[in-house]
């Protein structure tokens, strides 16, 4: 009889211990899941891995809002253009069919609406000049785009330029005037880091604050 009681006690003890271990195991699994969820949540703020050689993925209108001086907000409009429309074209391109079913060479170009503060480390107290110029885009290293910008003093204006105006001539016809504060000749490469498919970060050449351009269209 005592033997039977002992065996029952052992079996009960086994199930109790097994139940405790199972409960402990479930708790550990739950903690692991929670840890993974936290890690995923943290990683959402990191730079997304985006294949930057698929330039057509970045077609759209991007805006940097200047909260201090709204008139100095910046726009970057990117669109597909045929390489044959660009004199002496050199850069990244791809092929696709046009409306006639013909294979044509395409690249990513567009318009940059900006001001001269983008290209000056220190301003001398005068108001910046403004411009809208054609740009050409290329992949640059990992997760970055290079936007080539070229213009001279004749393209710089006194007042901000915004869409739908698309050229210096059009802005002048609408009453804007040439900026006469100083001579300026720009041939630069602006580097935009790809944060995700809807945000591009303009990296400053002068250790100034980065500018986040958000896709608005």
N, C-alpha and C. Protein backbone atom coordinates (compact mmCIF):
# COMPACT_ATOMS: atom_id res chain seq x y z
N UNK A 1 0.83 -1.20 0.00
CA UNK A 1 0.00 0.00 0.00
C UNK A 1 0.87 1.25 0.00
N UNK A 2 1.87 1.22 0.87
CA UNK A 2 2.79 2.36 0.92
C UNK A 2 3.47 2.58 -0.42
N UNK A 3 3.78 1.46 -1.09
CA UNK A 3 4.44 1.54 -2.40
C UNK A 3 3.55 2.24 -3.42
N UNK A 4 2.27 1.92 -3.38
CA UNK A 4 1.33 2.53 -4.33
C UNK A 4 1.25 4.03 -4.07
N UNK A 5 1.17 4.37 -2.78
CA UNK A 5 1.10 5.80 -2.41
C UNK A 5 2.33 6.55 -2.89
N UNK A 6 3.48 5.93 -2.75
CA UNK A 6 4.74 6.56 -3.19
C UNK A 6 4.73 6.80 -4.70
N UNK A 7 4.26 5.74 -5.44
CA UNK A 7 4.24 5.88 -6.90
C UNK A 7 3.29 6.99 -7.33
N UNK A 8 2.15 7.08 -6.66
CA UNK A 8 1.19 8.15 -6.97
C UNK A 8 1.81 9.52 -6.68
N UNK A 9 2.52 9.60 -5.57
CA UNK A 9 3.15 10.86 -5.19
C UNK A 9 4.20 11.28 -6.23
N UNK A 10 4.96 10.30 -6.72
CA UNK A 10 6.00 10.58 -7.73
C UNK A 10 5.35 11.08 -9.02
N UNK A 11 4.27 10.38 -9.42
CA UNK A 11 3.58 10.76 -10.66
C UNK A 11 3.02 12.18 -10.54
N UNK A 12 2.42 12.48 -9.40
CA UNK A 12 1.86 13.82 -9.18
C UNK A 12 2.95 14.88 -9.23
N UNK A 13 4.06 14.55 -8.58
CA UNK A 13 5.19 15.48 -8.57
C UNK A 13 5.69 15.74 -9.99
N UNK A 14 5.74 14.65 -10.79
CA UNK A 14 6.21 14.76 -12.19
C UNK A 14 5.33 15.72 -12.98
N UNK A 15 4.00 15.54 -12.85
CA UNK A 15 3.08 16.38 -13.60
C UNK A 15 3.14 17.84 -13.15
N UNK A 16 3.33 18.02 -11.85
CA UNK A 16 3.45 19.38 -11.33
C UNK A 16 4.68 20.07 -11.91
N UNK A 17 5.84 19.33 -11.87
CA UNK A 17 7.08 19.88 -12.41
C UNK A 17 6.97 20.13 -13.90
N UNK A 18 6.36 19.17 -14.62
CA UNK A 18 6.20 19.30 -16.06
C UNK A 18 5.34 20.51 -16.40
N UNK A 19 4.26 20.68 -15.59
CA UNK A 19 3.37 21.82 -15.81
C UNK A 19 4.09 23.13 -15.59
N UNK A 20 4.93 23.18 -14.56
CA UNK A 20 5.70 24.40 -14.28
C UNK A 20 6.68 24.71 -15.40
N UNK A 21 7.37 23.63 -15.89
CA UNK A 21 8.34 23.83 -16.97
C UNK A 21 7.64 24.30 -18.24
N UNK A 22 6.47 23.70 -18.52
CA UNK A 22 5.71 24.09 -19.72
C UNK A 22 5.29 25.55 -19.62
N UNK A 23 4.84 25.95 -18.43
CA UNK A 23 4.43 27.34 -18.23
C UNK A 23 5.61 28.28 -18.38
N UNK A 24 6.77 27.84 -17.83
CA UNK A 24 8.00 28.64 -17.94
C UNK A 24 8.42 28.77 -19.40
N UNK A 25 8.29 27.66 -20.16
CA UNK A 25 8.66 27.66 -21.57
C UNK A 25 7.76 28.61 -22.37
N UNK A 26 6.47 28.57 -22.08
CA UNK A 26 5.54 29.47 -22.76
C UNK A 26 5.89 30.93 -22.50
N UNK A 27 6.28 31.20 -21.23
CA UNK A 27 6.64 32.57 -20.86
C UNK A 27 7.87 33.03 -21.62
N UNK A 28 8.87 32.11 -21.74
CA UNK A 28 10.09 32.45 -22.46
C UNK A 28 9.79 32.74 -23.92
N UNK A 29 8.93 31.90 -24.52
CA UNK A 29 8.57 32.09 -25.93
C UNK A 29 7.89 33.44 -26.12
N UNK A 30 6.99 33.79 -25.21
CA UNK A 30 6.28 35.06 -25.27
C UNK A 30 7.23 36.23 -25.17
N UNK A 31 8.25 36.10 -24.26
CA UNK A 31 9.23 37.17 -24.10
C UNK A 31 10.06 37.35 -25.37
N UNK A 32 10.40 36.21 -26.00
CA UNK A 32 11.18 36.27 -27.25
C UNK A 32 10.38 37.00 -28.32
N UNK A 33 9.08 36.63 -28.42
CA UNK A 33 8.22 37.29 -29.41
C UNK A 33 8.15 38.79 -29.18
N UNK A 34 8.00 39.18 -27.90
CA UNK A 34 7.92 40.60 -27.58
C UNK A 34 9.21 41.32 -27.92
N UNK A 35 10.33 40.65 -27.66
CA UNK A 35 11.64 41.25 -27.99
C UNK A 35 11.76 41.47 -29.49
N UNK A 36 11.32 40.47 -30.27
CA UNK A 36 11.38 40.61 -31.72
C UNK A 36 10.50 41.75 -32.19
N UNK A 37 9.32 41.87 -31.59
CA UNK A 37 8.41 42.94 -31.97
C UNK A 37 9.03 44.30 -31.70
N UNK A 38 9.72 44.43 -30.57
CA UNK A 38 10.39 45.68 -30.22
C UNK A 38 11.49 45.99 -31.24
N UNK A 39 12.25 44.98 -31.60
CA UNK A 39 13.33 45.18 -32.58
C UNK A 39 12.78 45.63 -33.91
N UNK A 40 11.70 45.02 -34.35
CA UNK A 40 11.09 45.40 -35.62
C UNK A 40 10.61 46.84 -35.56
N UNK A 41 10.01 47.20 -34.44
CA UNK A 41 9.50 48.57 -34.28
C UNK A 41 10.65 49.58 -34.34
N UNK A 42 11.77 49.27 -33.70
CA UNK A 42 12.92 50.16 -33.71
C UNK A 42 13.48 50.29 -35.12
N UNK A 43 13.54 49.18 -35.85
CA UNK A 43 14.14 49.18 -37.17
C UNK A 43 13.34 49.96 -38.20
N UNK A 44 12.08 50.25 -37.91
CA UNK A 44 11.25 50.99 -38.86
C UNK A 44 11.81 52.37 -39.15
N UNK A 45 12.54 52.95 -38.20
CA UNK A 45 13.07 54.29 -38.37
C UNK A 45 14.40 54.33 -39.11
N UNK A 46 14.95 53.17 -39.40
CA UNK A 46 16.24 53.12 -40.07
C UNK A 46 16.06 53.29 -41.58
N UNK A 47 17.16 53.60 -42.26
CA UNK A 47 17.12 53.79 -43.71
C UNK A 47 16.68 52.49 -44.38
N UNK A 48 15.67 52.59 -45.21
CA UNK A 48 15.16 51.40 -45.90
C UNK A 48 16.09 51.01 -47.02
N UNK A 49 16.20 49.71 -47.27
CA UNK A 49 17.00 49.24 -48.39
C UNK A 49 16.18 49.36 -49.66
N UNK A 50 16.57 50.27 -50.52
CA UNK A 50 15.85 50.51 -51.76
C UNK A 50 16.83 50.39 -52.92
N UNK A 51 16.43 49.69 -53.94
CA UNK A 51 17.30 49.49 -55.10
C UNK A 51 17.31 50.77 -55.93
N UNK A 52 18.41 51.54 -55.88
CA UNK A 52 18.39 52.85 -56.49
C UNK A 52 18.68 52.84 -57.99
N UNK A 53 18.93 51.65 -58.58
CA UNK A 53 19.12 51.65 -60.02
C UNK A 53 17.79 51.55 -60.75
N UNK A 54 16.70 51.33 -60.03
CA UNK A 54 15.36 51.37 -60.62
C UNK A 54 14.87 52.81 -60.52
N UNK A 55 15.45 53.69 -61.33
CA UNK A 55 15.20 55.12 -61.20
C UNK A 55 13.74 55.49 -61.38
N UNK A 56 13.02 54.74 -62.23
CA UNK A 56 11.63 55.07 -62.50
C UNK A 56 10.76 54.97 -61.25
N UNK A 57 11.23 54.27 -60.22
CA UNK A 57 10.46 54.16 -58.97
C UNK A 57 10.34 55.50 -58.24
N UNK A 58 11.18 56.47 -58.61
CA UNK A 58 11.20 57.74 -57.88
C UNK A 58 10.50 58.86 -58.64
N UNK A 59 9.76 58.49 -59.67
CA UNK A 59 8.96 59.49 -60.37
C UNK A 59 7.96 60.11 -59.39
N UNK A 60 7.84 61.43 -59.39
CA UNK A 60 6.89 62.07 -58.49
C UNK A 60 7.32 63.48 -58.11
N UNK A 61 6.53 64.10 -57.24
CA UNK A 61 6.80 65.46 -56.78
C UNK A 61 7.13 65.42 -55.29
N UNK A 62 8.30 65.96 -54.94
CA UNK A 62 8.78 65.96 -53.56
C UNK A 62 8.88 67.41 -53.06
N UNK A 63 8.61 67.59 -51.77
CA UNK A 63 8.66 68.94 -51.20
C UNK A 63 9.42 68.95 -49.87
N UNK A 64 10.26 69.97 -49.72
CA UNK A 64 10.86 70.27 -48.42
C UNK A 64 10.19 71.53 -47.90
N UNK A 65 9.51 71.43 -46.77
CA UNK A 65 8.81 72.58 -46.20
C UNK A 65 9.73 73.33 -45.24
N UNK A 66 9.98 74.58 -45.53
CA UNK A 66 10.77 75.45 -44.64
C UNK A 66 9.78 76.11 -43.67
N UNK A 67 9.77 75.64 -42.42
CA UNK A 67 8.80 76.14 -41.44
C UNK A 67 9.09 77.58 -41.02
N UNK A 68 10.35 78.00 -41.12
CA UNK A 68 10.73 79.36 -40.73
C UNK A 68 10.42 80.36 -41.84
N UNK A 69 10.81 80.00 -43.06
CA UNK A 69 10.57 80.87 -44.23
C UNK A 69 9.85 80.06 -45.31
N UNK A 70 8.52 79.99 -45.25
CA UNK A 70 7.75 79.17 -46.21
C UNK A 70 8.07 79.49 -47.66
N UNK A 71 8.42 80.75 -47.96
CA UNK A 71 8.75 81.12 -49.34
C UNK A 71 10.02 80.44 -49.83
N UNK A 72 10.81 79.91 -48.89
CA UNK A 72 12.05 79.25 -49.27
C UNK A 72 11.92 77.72 -49.25
N UNK A 73 10.68 77.24 -49.27
CA UNK A 73 10.47 75.79 -49.40
C UNK A 73 11.00 75.33 -50.75
N UNK A 74 11.39 74.07 -50.83
CA UNK A 74 12.03 73.53 -52.03
C UNK A 74 11.16 72.44 -52.65
N UNK A 75 11.25 72.30 -53.96
CA UNK A 75 10.52 71.27 -54.67
C UNK A 75 11.47 70.51 -55.60
N UNK A 76 11.27 69.22 -55.69
CA UNK A 76 12.00 68.39 -56.64
C UNK A 76 10.96 67.56 -57.39
N UNK A 77 10.81 67.82 -58.69
CA UNK A 77 9.85 67.08 -59.51
C UNK A 77 10.64 66.15 -60.43
N UNK A 78 10.45 64.85 -60.26
CA UNK A 78 11.18 63.85 -61.04
C UNK A 78 10.24 63.18 -62.03
N UNK A 79 10.71 63.03 -63.26
CA UNK A 79 9.89 62.41 -64.30
C UNK A 79 10.77 61.70 -65.31
N UNK A 80 10.15 60.75 -66.02
CA UNK A 80 10.88 60.02 -67.05
C UNK A 80 10.99 60.87 -68.32
N UNK A 81 12.17 60.89 -68.90
CA UNK A 81 12.38 61.62 -70.15
C UNK A 81 13.22 60.76 -71.09
N UNK A 82 13.05 60.96 -72.38
CA UNK A 82 13.85 60.23 -73.37
C UNK A 82 15.26 60.81 -73.39
N UNK A 83 16.24 59.93 -73.43
CA UNK A 83 17.64 60.40 -73.41
C UNK A 83 17.97 61.26 -74.63
N UNK A 84 17.28 61.02 -75.75
CA UNK A 84 17.58 61.81 -76.97
C UNK A 84 17.18 63.27 -76.82
N UNK A 85 16.36 63.57 -75.79
CA UNK A 85 15.96 64.97 -75.56
C UNK A 85 17.01 65.74 -74.77
N UNK A 86 18.05 65.04 -74.29
CA UNK A 86 19.10 65.67 -73.49
C UNK A 86 20.38 65.76 -74.32
N UNK A 87 20.85 66.97 -74.64
CA UNK A 87 22.07 67.11 -75.44
C UNK A 87 23.27 66.44 -74.77
N UNK A 88 24.03 65.68 -75.56
CA UNK A 88 25.25 65.02 -75.08
C UNK A 88 24.98 64.20 -73.82
N UNK A 89 23.90 63.42 -73.84
CA UNK A 89 23.51 62.65 -72.65
C UNK A 89 24.58 61.65 -72.24
N UNK A 90 24.89 61.63 -70.96
CA UNK A 90 25.74 60.60 -70.35
C UNK A 90 25.15 60.31 -68.98
N UNK A 91 24.81 59.06 -68.73
CA UNK A 91 24.25 58.75 -67.42
C UNK A 91 23.48 57.44 -67.44
N UNK A 92 22.74 57.19 -66.37
CA UNK A 92 21.99 55.95 -66.22
C UNK A 92 20.71 56.01 -67.06
N UNK A 93 20.36 54.89 -67.70
CA UNK A 93 19.15 54.85 -68.53
C UNK A 93 18.60 53.44 -68.57
N UNK A 94 17.42 53.30 -69.09
CA UNK A 94 16.79 51.99 -69.29
C UNK A 94 15.94 52.07 -70.55
N UNK A 95 15.49 50.92 -71.03
CA UNK A 95 14.66 50.89 -72.24
C UNK A 95 13.22 50.55 -71.90
N UNK A 96 12.29 51.18 -72.58
CA UNK A 96 10.88 50.82 -72.46
C UNK A 96 10.19 51.19 -73.77
N UNK A 97 8.98 50.69 -73.97
CA UNK A 97 8.25 50.95 -75.21
C UNK A 97 7.47 52.25 -75.09
N UNK A 98 7.48 53.03 -76.17
CA UNK A 98 6.69 54.26 -76.19
C UNK A 98 5.28 53.95 -76.69
N UNK A 99 4.50 55.01 -76.92
CA UNK A 99 3.10 54.82 -77.33
C UNK A 99 2.99 54.13 -78.69
N UNK A 100 4.04 54.23 -79.49
CA UNK A 100 4.03 53.59 -80.82
C UNK A 100 4.54 52.15 -80.77
N UNK A 101 4.90 51.68 -79.56
CA UNK A 101 5.43 50.33 -79.43
C UNK A 101 6.90 50.21 -79.76
N UNK A 102 7.58 51.35 -79.89
CA UNK A 102 9.01 51.35 -80.21
C UNK A 102 9.83 51.33 -78.92
N UNK A 103 10.97 50.65 -78.95
CA UNK A 103 11.89 50.66 -77.82
C UNK A 103 12.65 51.99 -77.79
N UNK A 104 12.57 52.69 -76.67
CA UNK A 104 13.27 53.96 -76.54
C UNK A 104 14.09 53.96 -75.25
N UNK A 105 15.15 54.76 -75.25
CA UNK A 105 16.02 54.88 -74.08
C UNK A 105 15.50 55.99 -73.19
N UNK A 106 15.28 55.66 -71.91
CA UNK A 106 14.72 56.62 -70.95
C UNK A 106 15.69 56.85 -69.79
N UNK A 107 15.55 58.03 -69.18
CA UNK A 107 16.31 58.33 -67.98
C UNK A 107 15.40 59.13 -67.04
N UNK A 108 15.90 59.40 -65.83
CA UNK A 108 15.11 60.18 -64.87
C UNK A 108 15.66 61.60 -64.84
N UNK A 109 14.79 62.55 -65.13
CA UNK A 109 15.17 63.96 -65.08
C UNK A 109 14.12 64.70 -64.30
N UNK A 110 14.05 66.01 -64.53
CA UNK A 110 13.02 66.77 -63.84
C UNK A 110 13.41 68.20 -63.57
N UNK A 111 12.82 68.76 -62.52
CA UNK A 111 13.02 70.16 -62.18
C UNK A 111 13.33 70.30 -60.69
N UNK A 112 14.26 71.20 -60.38
CA UNK A 112 14.56 71.55 -58.99
C UNK A 112 14.20 73.01 -58.78
N UNK A 113 13.35 73.27 -57.78
CA UNK A 113 12.98 74.63 -57.39
C UNK A 113 13.74 74.92 -56.10
N UNK A 114 14.69 75.84 -56.16
CA UNK A 114 15.53 76.07 -54.98
C UNK A 114 15.95 77.51 -54.83
N UNK A 115 16.95 77.71 -53.98
CA UNK A 115 17.51 79.05 -53.76
C UNK A 115 19.02 78.94 -53.54
N UNK A 116 19.68 80.06 -53.61
CA UNK A 116 21.15 80.07 -53.59
C UNK A 116 21.75 79.64 -52.26
N UNK A 117 20.97 79.64 -51.18
CA UNK A 117 21.49 79.19 -49.89
C UNK A 117 21.94 77.73 -49.92
N UNK A 118 21.42 76.97 -50.88
CA UNK A 118 21.83 75.57 -51.00
C UNK A 118 23.31 75.44 -51.35
N UNK A 119 23.88 76.48 -51.92
CA UNK A 119 25.25 76.40 -52.43
C UNK A 119 26.21 77.35 -51.73
N UNK A 120 25.79 77.91 -50.59
CA UNK A 120 26.66 78.84 -49.87
C UNK A 120 26.79 78.42 -48.41
N UNK A 121 28.01 78.33 -47.95
CA UNK A 121 28.25 77.93 -46.56
C UNK A 121 27.85 79.04 -45.60
N UNK A 122 28.13 80.27 -45.97
CA UNK A 122 27.79 81.42 -45.13
C UNK A 122 27.18 82.49 -46.01
N UNK A 123 26.00 82.98 -45.63
CA UNK A 123 25.40 84.10 -46.36
C UNK A 123 25.87 85.40 -45.74
N UNK A 124 25.83 86.47 -46.50
CA UNK A 124 26.36 87.76 -46.04
C UNK A 124 25.25 88.74 -45.69
N UNK A 125 24.10 88.23 -45.28
CA UNK A 125 23.03 89.10 -44.82
C UNK A 125 22.04 89.49 -45.90
N UNK A 126 22.32 89.14 -47.16
CA UNK A 126 21.39 89.49 -48.23
C UNK A 126 20.39 88.35 -48.47
N UNK A 127 19.26 88.71 -49.07
CA UNK A 127 18.24 87.70 -49.38
C UNK A 127 18.75 86.77 -50.47
N UNK A 128 18.39 85.49 -50.40
CA UNK A 128 18.87 84.56 -51.42
C UNK A 128 18.20 84.79 -52.77
N UNK A 129 18.82 84.28 -53.82
CA UNK A 129 18.20 84.27 -55.13
C UNK A 129 17.46 82.94 -55.31
N UNK A 130 16.54 82.90 -56.26
CA UNK A 130 15.71 81.72 -56.46
C UNK A 130 15.81 81.24 -57.91
N UNK A 131 15.51 79.95 -58.10
CA UNK A 131 15.63 79.39 -59.45
C UNK A 131 14.74 78.17 -59.63
N UNK A 132 14.48 77.85 -60.90
CA UNK A 132 13.93 76.56 -61.29
C UNK A 132 14.79 76.10 -62.46
N UNK A 133 15.39 74.92 -62.33
CA UNK A 133 16.30 74.43 -63.37
C UNK A 133 16.05 72.95 -63.64
N UNK A 134 16.39 72.54 -64.86
CA UNK A 134 16.31 71.13 -65.22
C UNK A 134 17.43 70.36 -64.54
N UNK A 135 17.14 69.14 -64.10
CA UNK A 135 18.15 68.31 -63.45
C UNK A 135 18.14 66.91 -64.07
N UNK A 136 19.24 66.23 -63.89
CA UNK A 136 19.38 64.84 -64.33
C UNK A 136 19.76 63.99 -63.13
N UNK A 137 19.21 62.77 -63.04
CA UNK A 137 19.37 61.93 -61.84
C UNK A 137 20.11 60.64 -62.18
N UNK A 138 20.99 60.23 -61.27
CA UNK A 138 21.72 58.98 -61.42
C UNK A 138 21.79 58.27 -60.06
N UNK A 139 21.94 56.93 -60.08
CA UNK A 139 22.20 56.21 -58.82
C UNK A 139 23.54 56.66 -58.26
N UNK A 140 23.66 56.66 -56.92
CA UNK A 140 24.92 57.04 -56.29
C UNK A 140 25.15 56.16 -55.08
N UNK A 141 26.16 55.30 -55.14
CA UNK A 141 26.48 54.38 -54.05
C UNK A 141 25.23 53.60 -53.63
N UNK A 142 25.17 53.21 -52.35
CA UNK A 142 24.01 52.46 -51.86
C UNK A 142 22.96 53.40 -51.30
N UNK A 143 21.72 53.22 -51.73
CA UNK A 143 20.59 53.98 -51.19
C UNK A 143 20.74 55.49 -51.30
N UNK A 144 21.27 55.95 -52.43
CA UNK A 144 21.37 57.39 -52.66
C UNK A 144 21.17 57.70 -54.14
N UNK A 145 20.71 58.93 -54.39
CA UNK A 145 20.56 59.43 -55.75
C UNK A 145 21.42 60.68 -55.90
N UNK A 146 22.01 60.83 -57.07
CA UNK A 146 22.80 62.02 -57.37
C UNK A 146 22.01 62.87 -58.35
N UNK A 147 21.75 64.13 -57.96
CA UNK A 147 21.00 65.05 -58.80
C UNK A 147 21.97 66.12 -59.32
N UNK A 148 22.18 66.12 -60.62
CA UNK A 148 23.13 67.06 -61.23
C UNK A 148 22.44 68.38 -61.54
N UNK A 149 23.02 69.47 -61.01
CA UNK A 149 22.42 70.80 -61.14
C UNK A 149 23.42 71.75 -61.80
N UNK A 150 22.99 72.40 -62.89
CA UNK A 150 23.86 73.35 -63.59
C UNK A 150 23.06 74.60 -63.96
N UNK A 151 23.55 75.77 -63.58
CA UNK A 151 22.93 77.03 -64.01
C UNK A 151 23.89 78.18 -63.75
N UNK A 152 23.57 79.36 -64.27
CA UNK A 152 24.40 80.54 -64.02
C UNK A 152 23.53 81.71 -63.57
N UNK A 153 24.13 82.88 -63.45
CA UNK A 153 23.46 84.04 -62.87
C UNK A 153 22.18 84.41 -63.61
N UNK A 154 22.13 84.17 -64.91
CA UNK A 154 20.94 84.55 -65.68
C UNK A 154 19.72 83.74 -65.30
N UNK A 155 19.92 82.62 -64.59
CA UNK A 155 18.79 81.78 -64.16
C UNK A 155 18.32 82.11 -62.74
N UNK A 156 19.02 83.00 -62.05
CA UNK A 156 18.69 83.30 -60.66
C UNK A 156 17.76 84.51 -60.60
N UNK A 157 16.68 84.40 -59.80
CA UNK A 157 15.63 85.41 -59.76
C UNK A 157 15.46 86.01 -58.37
N UNK A 158 14.82 87.17 -58.31
CA UNK A 158 14.65 87.87 -57.03
C UNK A 158 13.66 87.18 -56.11
N UNK A 159 12.59 86.62 -56.68
CA UNK A 159 11.50 86.08 -55.88
C UNK A 159 11.36 84.57 -56.05
N UNK A 160 10.76 83.90 -55.05
CA UNK A 160 10.61 82.44 -55.13
C UNK A 160 9.86 82.00 -56.39
N UNK A 161 10.27 80.83 -56.89
CA UNK A 161 9.62 80.23 -58.05
C UNK A 161 9.00 78.92 -57.60
N UNK A 162 7.76 78.69 -57.97
CA UNK A 162 7.07 77.47 -57.56
C UNK A 162 6.29 76.90 -58.74
N UNK A 163 5.98 75.59 -58.69
CA UNK A 163 5.14 75.01 -59.73
C UNK A 163 3.82 75.76 -59.80
N UNK A 164 3.20 75.89 -60.98
CA UNK A 164 3.50 75.15 -62.21
C UNK A 164 4.51 75.82 -63.14
N UNK A 165 5.14 76.94 -62.73
CA UNK A 165 6.18 77.56 -63.56
C UNK A 165 7.31 76.56 -63.77
N UNK A 166 7.82 76.45 -65.00
CA UNK A 166 8.82 75.42 -65.30
C UNK A 166 10.11 75.95 -65.90
N UNK A 167 10.26 77.27 -66.01
CA UNK A 167 11.49 77.80 -66.59
C UNK A 167 11.73 79.23 -66.14
N UNK A 168 12.97 79.70 -66.30
CA UNK A 168 13.32 81.08 -65.96
C UNK A 168 12.53 82.04 -66.86
N UNK A 169 12.46 81.73 -68.15
CA UNK A 169 11.75 82.61 -69.09
C UNK A 169 10.29 82.78 -68.68
N UNK A 170 9.66 81.68 -68.29
CA UNK A 170 8.26 81.75 -67.88
C UNK A 170 8.11 82.60 -66.62
N UNK A 171 9.04 82.45 -65.68
CA UNK A 171 8.99 83.24 -64.44
C UNK A 171 9.15 84.73 -64.74
N UNK A 172 10.07 85.08 -65.66
CA UNK A 172 10.28 86.47 -66.03
C UNK A 172 9.04 87.05 -66.71
N UNK A 173 8.39 86.24 -67.55
CA UNK A 173 7.17 86.71 -68.23
C UNK A 173 6.07 87.01 -67.22
N UNK A 174 6.09 86.30 -66.09
CA UNK A 174 5.04 86.48 -65.08
C UNK A 174 5.40 87.55 -64.05
N UNK A 175 6.48 88.31 -64.31
CA UNK A 175 6.79 89.46 -63.46
C UNK A 175 7.98 89.32 -62.53
N UNK A 176 8.59 88.13 -62.46
CA UNK A 176 9.79 87.98 -61.63
C UNK A 176 10.94 88.75 -62.27
N UNK A 177 12.00 89.00 -61.53
CA UNK A 177 13.15 89.75 -62.05
C UNK A 177 14.45 89.02 -61.75
N UNK A 178 15.46 89.30 -62.56
CA UNK A 178 16.76 88.68 -62.33
C UNK A 178 17.39 89.18 -61.04
N UNK A 179 18.05 88.27 -60.34
CA UNK A 179 18.76 88.57 -59.09
C UNK A 179 20.08 89.23 -59.45
N UNK A 180 20.35 90.41 -58.91
CA UNK A 180 21.54 91.16 -59.30
C UNK A 180 22.51 91.39 -58.15
N UNK A 181 22.35 90.63 -57.08
CA UNK A 181 23.20 90.84 -55.90
C UNK A 181 24.63 90.39 -56.17
N UNK A 182 24.81 89.25 -56.82
CA UNK A 182 26.17 88.77 -57.11
C UNK A 182 26.16 87.81 -58.28
N UNK A 183 27.32 87.66 -58.90
CA UNK A 183 27.47 86.70 -59.99
C UNK A 183 27.55 85.29 -59.41
N UNK A 184 26.99 84.33 -60.12
CA UNK A 184 26.95 82.97 -59.59
C UNK A 184 26.97 81.98 -60.75
N UNK A 185 27.82 80.98 -60.64
CA UNK A 185 27.84 79.91 -61.63
C UNK A 185 27.88 78.59 -60.88
N UNK A 186 26.89 77.73 -61.13
CA UNK A 186 26.75 76.48 -60.37
C UNK A 186 26.83 75.28 -61.29
N UNK A 187 27.66 74.35 -60.92
CA UNK A 187 27.73 73.04 -61.59
C UNK A 187 28.01 72.03 -60.48
N UNK A 188 26.95 71.53 -59.87
CA UNK A 188 27.11 70.75 -58.65
C UNK A 188 26.32 69.44 -58.70
N UNK A 189 26.68 68.56 -57.78
CA UNK A 189 25.97 67.30 -57.61
C UNK A 189 25.36 67.30 -56.20
N UNK A 190 24.04 67.23 -56.13
CA UNK A 190 23.36 67.15 -54.84
C UNK A 190 23.08 65.68 -54.55
N UNK A 191 23.39 65.24 -53.33
CA UNK A 191 23.20 63.83 -52.96
C UNK A 191 21.96 63.70 -52.09
N UNK A 192 21.03 62.89 -52.56
CA UNK A 192 19.80 62.61 -51.81
C UNK A 192 19.85 61.17 -51.30
N UNK A 193 19.81 61.02 -49.99
CA UNK A 193 19.76 59.69 -49.39
C UNK A 193 18.32 59.19 -49.42
N UNK A 194 18.13 57.93 -49.78
CA UNK A 194 16.79 57.35 -49.87
C UNK A 194 16.40 56.82 -48.50
N UNK A 195 15.47 57.51 -47.83
CA UNK A 195 14.99 57.02 -46.55
C UNK A 195 13.97 55.91 -46.76
N UNK A 196 13.05 56.14 -47.67
CA UNK A 196 12.09 55.12 -48.11
C UNK A 196 11.53 55.59 -49.44
N UNK A 197 10.53 54.90 -49.97
CA UNK A 197 10.04 55.23 -51.30
C UNK A 197 9.36 56.60 -51.37
N UNK A 198 9.05 57.19 -50.22
CA UNK A 198 8.35 58.47 -50.21
C UNK A 198 9.14 59.61 -49.59
N UNK A 199 10.38 59.36 -49.19
CA UNK A 199 11.18 60.40 -48.55
C UNK A 199 12.63 60.36 -49.04
N UNK A 200 13.12 61.52 -49.46
CA UNK A 200 14.51 61.67 -49.87
C UNK A 200 15.15 62.73 -48.98
N UNK A 201 16.37 62.46 -48.52
CA UNK A 201 17.05 63.38 -47.60
C UNK A 201 18.21 64.05 -48.33
N UNK A 202 18.12 65.37 -48.49
CA UNK A 202 19.20 66.11 -49.13
C UNK A 202 20.31 66.32 -48.11
N UNK A 203 21.50 65.75 -48.40
CA UNK A 203 22.65 65.87 -47.51
C UNK A 203 23.40 67.17 -47.81
N UNK A 204 23.66 67.95 -46.78
CA UNK A 204 24.33 69.24 -46.95
C UNK A 204 25.83 69.05 -47.18
N UNK A 205 26.38 69.91 -48.04
CA UNK A 205 27.84 69.92 -48.26
C UNK A 205 28.56 70.67 -47.16
N UNK A 206 27.84 71.45 -46.37
CA UNK A 206 28.47 72.39 -45.45
C UNK A 206 28.16 72.09 -43.99
N UNK A 207 27.88 70.84 -43.67
CA UNK A 207 27.55 70.44 -42.29
C UNK A 207 26.34 71.19 -41.75
N UNK A 208 25.44 71.59 -42.64
CA UNK A 208 24.20 72.21 -42.22
C UNK A 208 23.16 71.13 -42.00
N UNK A 209 21.97 71.52 -41.58
CA UNK A 209 20.91 70.55 -41.31
C UNK A 209 20.45 69.88 -42.61
N UNK A 210 20.29 68.55 -42.56
CA UNK A 210 19.77 67.84 -43.72
C UNK A 210 18.33 68.26 -43.98
N UNK A 211 17.91 68.17 -45.23
CA UNK A 211 16.56 68.56 -45.61
C UNK A 211 15.79 67.34 -46.10
N UNK A 212 14.63 67.07 -45.49
CA UNK A 212 13.82 65.91 -45.86
C UNK A 212 12.75 66.33 -46.88
N UNK A 213 12.84 65.75 -48.06
CA UNK A 213 11.85 65.98 -49.11
C UNK A 213 10.83 64.85 -49.06
N UNK A 214 9.54 65.21 -48.90
CA UNK A 214 8.49 64.20 -48.85
C UNK A 214 7.68 64.20 -50.13
N UNK A 215 7.39 62.98 -50.61
CA UNK A 215 6.60 62.86 -51.84
C UNK A 215 5.17 63.36 -51.57
N UNK A 216 4.70 64.30 -52.38
CA UNK A 216 3.35 64.83 -52.21
C UNK A 216 2.46 64.49 -53.40
N UNK A 217 3.02 63.84 -54.40
CA UNK A 217 2.22 63.47 -55.57
C UNK A 217 2.90 62.35 -56.32
